[in-house]
Amino acid sequence: MEISGVISALVIGIIIGVLGRLVVPGRQHIGILWTIVVGIAAALLGSAIAAGFGVANTKGPDWIEWFIQIALAAVGVAALDRARFRR
């Protein structure tokens, strides 16, 4: 993987993580670094799921892929928040 691919994965992960965090209602008790980590994981997993369903490469914006990624990020943020809140 080239450096441009790593940088774009980080930027997309940040965006997906922040959007996923905005979807979850209430205040989350996780830091920005955890939000970025969850966003990167959700972006990678969401891309794989979208490719599996055959909706990763469409004409125009890949809305379905973005929806999958944001939903996964929201689930990840909520799960991490609940796990950290129980402590």
N, C-alpha and C. Protein backbone atom coordinates (compact mmCIF):
# COMPACT_ATOMS: atom_id res chain seq x y z
N MET A 1 0.85 -1.17 0.00
CA MET A 1 0.00 0.00 0.00
C MET A 1 0.90 1.24 0.00
N GLU A 2 0.57 2.17 -0.85
CA GLU A 2 1.33 3.41 -0.95
C GLU A 2 0.95 4.37 0.16
N ILE A 3 1.77 5.39 0.36
CA ILE A 3 1.51 6.37 1.41
C ILE A 3 0.21 7.13 1.14
N SER A 4 -0.12 7.38 -0.11
CA SER A 4 -1.37 8.07 -0.42
C SER A 4 -2.57 7.22 -0.02
N GLY A 5 -2.46 5.90 -0.15
CA GLY A 5 -3.53 5.01 0.28
C GLY A 5 -3.71 5.01 1.79
N VAL A 6 -2.61 5.07 2.51
CA VAL A 6 -2.67 5.12 3.97
C VAL A 6 -3.28 6.43 4.43
N ILE A 7 -2.85 7.53 3.83
CA ILE A 7 -3.38 8.84 4.20
C ILE A 7 -4.86 8.93 3.88
N SER A 8 -5.27 8.45 2.73
CA SER A 8 -6.69 8.51 2.38
C SER A 8 -7.52 7.61 3.31
N ALA A 9 -6.97 6.46 3.72
CA ALA A 9 -7.68 5.60 4.67
C ALA A 9 -7.84 6.30 6.01
N LEU A 10 -6.83 7.03 6.45
CA LEU A 10 -6.93 7.78 7.70
C LEU A 10 -7.97 8.89 7.61
N VAL A 11 -7.97 9.62 6.52
CA VAL A 11 -8.93 10.72 6.35
C VAL A 11 -10.35 10.17 6.28
N ILE A 12 -10.55 9.13 5.51
CA ILE A 12 -11.88 8.53 5.40
C ILE A 12 -12.31 7.95 6.74
N GLY A 13 -11.36 7.34 7.47
CA GLY A 13 -11.66 6.80 8.79
C GLY A 13 -12.09 7.88 9.76
N ILE A 14 -11.43 9.03 9.71
CA ILE A 14 -11.81 10.15 10.57
C ILE A 14 -13.22 10.61 10.24
N ILE A 15 -13.51 10.77 8.98
CA ILE A 15 -14.84 11.23 8.55
C ILE A 15 -15.91 10.22 8.96
N ILE A 16 -15.67 8.95 8.68
CA ILE A 16 -16.64 7.91 9.02
C ILE A 16 -16.83 7.83 10.53
N GLY A 17 -15.75 7.92 11.29
CA GLY A 17 -15.86 7.87 12.74
C GLY A 17 -16.66 9.02 13.31
N VAL A 18 -16.41 10.23 12.81
CA VAL A 18 -17.15 11.40 13.29
C VAL A 18 -18.62 11.30 12.91
N LEU A 19 -18.90 10.88 11.69
CA LEU A 19 -20.30 10.72 11.28
C LEU A 19 -20.99 9.63 12.10
N GLY A 20 -20.30 8.55 12.37
CA GLY A 20 -20.87 7.49 13.20
C GLY A 20 -21.13 7.97 14.61
N ARG A 21 -20.24 8.81 15.12
CA ARG A 21 -20.42 9.36 16.46
C ARG A 21 -21.60 10.32 16.50
N LEU A 22 -21.82 11.07 15.43
CA LEU A 22 -22.96 12.00 15.37
C LEU A 22 -24.29 11.27 15.31
N VAL A 23 -24.29 10.06 14.75
CA VAL A 23 -25.53 9.29 14.63
C VAL A 23 -25.98 8.76 15.99
N VAL A 24 -25.03 8.43 16.85
CA VAL A 24 -25.36 7.87 18.17
C VAL A 24 -25.89 8.99 19.06
N PRO A 25 -27.09 8.82 19.63
CA PRO A 25 -27.64 9.88 20.47
C PRO A 25 -26.91 9.97 21.82
N GLY A 26 -26.91 11.15 22.39
CA GLY A 26 -26.31 11.36 23.70
C GLY A 26 -24.82 11.63 23.61
N ARG A 27 -24.22 11.73 24.79
CA ARG A 27 -22.79 12.01 24.87
C ARG A 27 -22.04 10.70 24.98
N GLN A 28 -20.97 10.56 24.21
CA GLN A 28 -20.14 9.37 24.28
C GLN A 28 -18.91 9.67 25.13
N HIS A 29 -18.50 8.69 25.90
CA HIS A 29 -17.36 8.85 26.80
C HIS A 29 -16.11 8.20 26.23
N ILE A 30 -15.85 8.43 24.96
CA ILE A 30 -14.64 7.92 24.33
C ILE A 30 -13.92 9.10 23.70
N GLY A 31 -12.63 8.97 23.56
CA GLY A 31 -11.82 10.04 23.00
C GLY A 31 -11.83 10.06 21.48
N ILE A 32 -11.19 11.08 20.95
CA ILE A 32 -11.13 11.24 19.49
C ILE A 32 -10.28 10.14 18.85
N LEU A 33 -9.25 9.67 19.54
CA LEU A 33 -8.43 8.60 18.97
C LEU A 33 -9.22 7.32 18.80
N TRP A 34 -10.06 6.99 19.80
CA TRP A 34 -10.91 5.80 19.67
C TRP A 34 -11.94 5.99 18.56
N THR A 35 -12.43 7.22 18.41
CA THR A 35 -13.38 7.50 17.33
C THR A 35 -12.72 7.26 15.98
N ILE A 36 -11.46 7.69 15.83
CA ILE A 36 -10.73 7.49 14.58
C ILE A 36 -10.48 6.00 14.34
N VAL A 37 -10.09 5.28 15.38
CA VAL A 37 -9.83 3.84 15.23
C VAL A 37 -11.11 3.11 14.81
N VAL A 38 -12.21 3.43 15.47
CA VAL A 38 -13.50 2.82 15.10
C VAL A 38 -13.87 3.20 13.67
N GLY A 39 -13.63 4.45 13.28
CA GLY A 39 -13.95 4.90 11.93
C GLY A 39 -13.14 4.18 10.88
N ILE A 40 -11.86 3.99 11.13
CA ILE A 40 -11.01 3.27 10.16
C ILE A 40 -11.46 1.83 10.04
N ALA A 41 -11.72 1.18 11.17
CA ALA A 41 -12.18 -0.21 11.13
C ALA A 41 -13.53 -0.32 10.41
N ALA A 42 -14.43 0.63 10.68
CA ALA A 42 -15.74 0.61 10.02
C ALA A 42 -15.61 0.87 8.52
N ALA A 43 -14.70 1.76 8.14
CA ALA A 43 -14.51 2.04 6.72
C ALA A 43 -13.98 0.81 5.99
N LEU A 44 -13.02 0.12 6.58
CA LEU A 44 -12.46 -1.08 5.94
C LEU A 44 -13.48 -2.21 5.89
N LEU A 45 -14.14 -2.45 7.00
CA LEU A 45 -15.14 -3.52 7.05
C LEU A 45 -16.34 -3.20 6.16
N GLY A 46 -16.77 -1.94 6.16
CA GLY A 46 -17.89 -1.53 5.32
C GLY A 46 -17.58 -1.66 3.84
N SER A 47 -16.34 -1.35 3.46
CA SER A 47 -15.94 -1.52 2.06
C SER A 47 -15.96 -2.99 1.66
N ALA A 48 -15.51 -3.85 2.57
CA ALA A 48 -15.51 -5.28 2.28
C ALA A 48 -16.94 -5.82 2.15
N ILE A 49 -17.82 -5.38 3.03
CA ILE A 49 -19.22 -5.81 2.96
C ILE A 49 -19.88 -5.30 1.69
N ALA A 50 -19.62 -4.04 1.35
CA ALA A 50 -20.20 -3.48 0.12
C ALA A 50 -19.68 -4.21 -1.11
N ALA A 51 -18.40 -4.57 -1.10
CA ALA A 51 -17.85 -5.33 -2.23
C ALA A 51 -18.48 -6.71 -2.31
N GLY A 52 -18.76 -7.30 -1.15
CA GLY A 52 -19.40 -8.62 -1.12
C GLY A 52 -20.80 -8.59 -1.70
N PHE A 53 -21.52 -7.49 -1.48
CA PHE A 53 -22.86 -7.33 -2.05
C PHE A 53 -22.84 -6.78 -3.46
N GLY A 54 -21.67 -6.37 -3.94
CA GLY A 54 -21.55 -5.85 -5.29
C GLY A 54 -22.00 -4.40 -5.45
N VAL A 55 -21.99 -3.63 -4.35
CA VAL A 55 -22.42 -2.23 -4.44
C VAL A 55 -21.27 -1.26 -4.15
N ALA A 56 -20.04 -1.76 -4.16
CA ALA A 56 -18.89 -0.91 -3.83
C ALA A 56 -18.55 0.06 -4.94
N ASN A 57 -18.70 -0.36 -6.18
CA ASN A 57 -18.35 0.49 -7.32
C ASN A 57 -19.58 0.73 -8.18
N THR A 58 -20.16 1.89 -8.03
CA THR A 58 -21.33 2.25 -8.80
C THR A 58 -21.05 3.54 -9.56
N LYS A 59 -21.92 3.90 -10.45
CA LYS A 59 -21.80 5.18 -11.13
C LYS A 59 -22.18 6.28 -10.15
N GLY A 60 -21.34 7.27 -10.00
CA GLY A 60 -21.62 8.35 -9.06
C GLY A 60 -21.18 7.99 -7.66
N PRO A 61 -21.70 8.69 -6.67
CA PRO A 61 -21.31 8.42 -5.27
C PRO A 61 -21.79 7.04 -4.81
N ASP A 62 -21.00 6.42 -4.00
CA ASP A 62 -21.34 5.10 -3.47
C ASP A 62 -22.12 5.26 -2.16
N TRP A 63 -23.38 5.66 -2.28
CA TRP A 63 -24.19 5.97 -1.11
C TRP A 63 -24.42 4.76 -0.23
N ILE A 64 -24.63 3.61 -0.82
CA ILE A 64 -24.89 2.41 -0.05
C ILE A 64 -23.65 2.03 0.76
N GLU A 65 -22.47 2.13 0.16
CA GLU A 65 -21.23 1.84 0.87
C GLU A 65 -21.02 2.80 2.03
N TRP A 66 -21.28 4.08 1.81
CA TRP A 66 -21.16 5.07 2.88
C TRP A 66 -22.14 4.77 4.01
N PHE A 67 -23.37 4.41 3.66
CA PHE A 67 -24.37 4.09 4.67
C PHE A 67 -23.91 2.90 5.52
N ILE A 68 -23.39 1.88 4.90
CA ILE A 68 -22.90 0.70 5.62
C ILE A 68 -21.76 1.10 6.55
N GLN A 69 -20.82 1.90 6.04
CA GLN A 69 -19.68 2.31 6.85
C GLN A 69 -20.11 3.15 8.05
N ILE A 70 -21.01 4.09 7.84
CA ILE A 70 -21.47 4.95 8.93
C ILE A 70 -22.26 4.14 9.96
N ALA A 71 -23.08 3.21 9.49
CA ALA A 71 -23.84 2.36 10.43
C ALA A 71 -22.89 1.51 11.26
N LEU A 72 -21.86 0.96 10.65
CA LEU A 72 -20.88 0.17 11.40
C LEU A 72 -20.12 1.04 12.40
N ALA A 73 -19.79 2.27 12.01
CA ALA A 73 -19.10 3.18 12.92
C ALA A 73 -19.99 3.54 14.10
N ALA A 74 -21.28 3.76 13.84
CA ALA A 74 -22.21 4.07 14.93
C ALA A 74 -22.32 2.91 15.90
N VAL A 75 -22.40 1.70 15.39
CA VAL A 75 -22.47 0.52 16.24
C VAL A 75 -21.17 0.38 17.04
N GLY A 76 -20.04 0.61 16.39
CA GLY A 76 -18.75 0.52 17.07
C GLY A 76 -18.58 1.56 18.16
N VAL A 77 -18.98 2.80 17.88
CA VAL A 77 -18.89 3.87 18.88
C VAL A 77 -19.80 3.56 20.06
N ALA A 78 -21.02 3.13 19.80
CA ALA A 78 -21.95 2.81 20.88
C ALA A 78 -21.44 1.63 21.72
N ALA A 79 -20.90 0.61 21.07
CA ALA A 79 -20.39 -0.56 21.81
C ALA A 79 -19.18 -0.18 22.65
N LEU A 80 -18.29 0.60 22.10
CA LEU A 80 -17.11 1.01 22.86
C LEU A 80 -17.50 1.93 24.01
N ASP A 81 -18.46 2.81 23.79
CA ASP A 81 -18.91 3.69 24.85
C ASP A 81 -19.53 2.89 25.99
N ARG A 82 -20.34 1.89 25.66
CA ARG A 82 -20.98 1.07 26.69
C ARG A 82 -19.93 0.25 27.44
N ALA A 83 -18.94 -0.24 26.74
CA ALA A 83 -17.90 -1.03 27.38
C ALA A 83 -17.06 -0.16 28.32
N ARG A 84 -16.76 1.06 27.93
CA ARG A 84 -15.97 1.95 28.78
C ARG A 84 -16.81 2.54 29.91
N PHE A 85 -18.10 2.71 29.69
CA PHE A 85 -18.98 3.30 30.70
C PHE A 85 -19.20 2.32 31.86
N ARG A 86 -19.17 1.03 31.59
CA ARG A 86 -19.40 0.02 32.63
C ARG A 86 -18.29 0.00 33.67
N ARG A 87 -17.11 0.45 33.30
CA ARG A 87 -16.00 0.48 34.25
C ARG A 87 -16.31 1.48 35.27
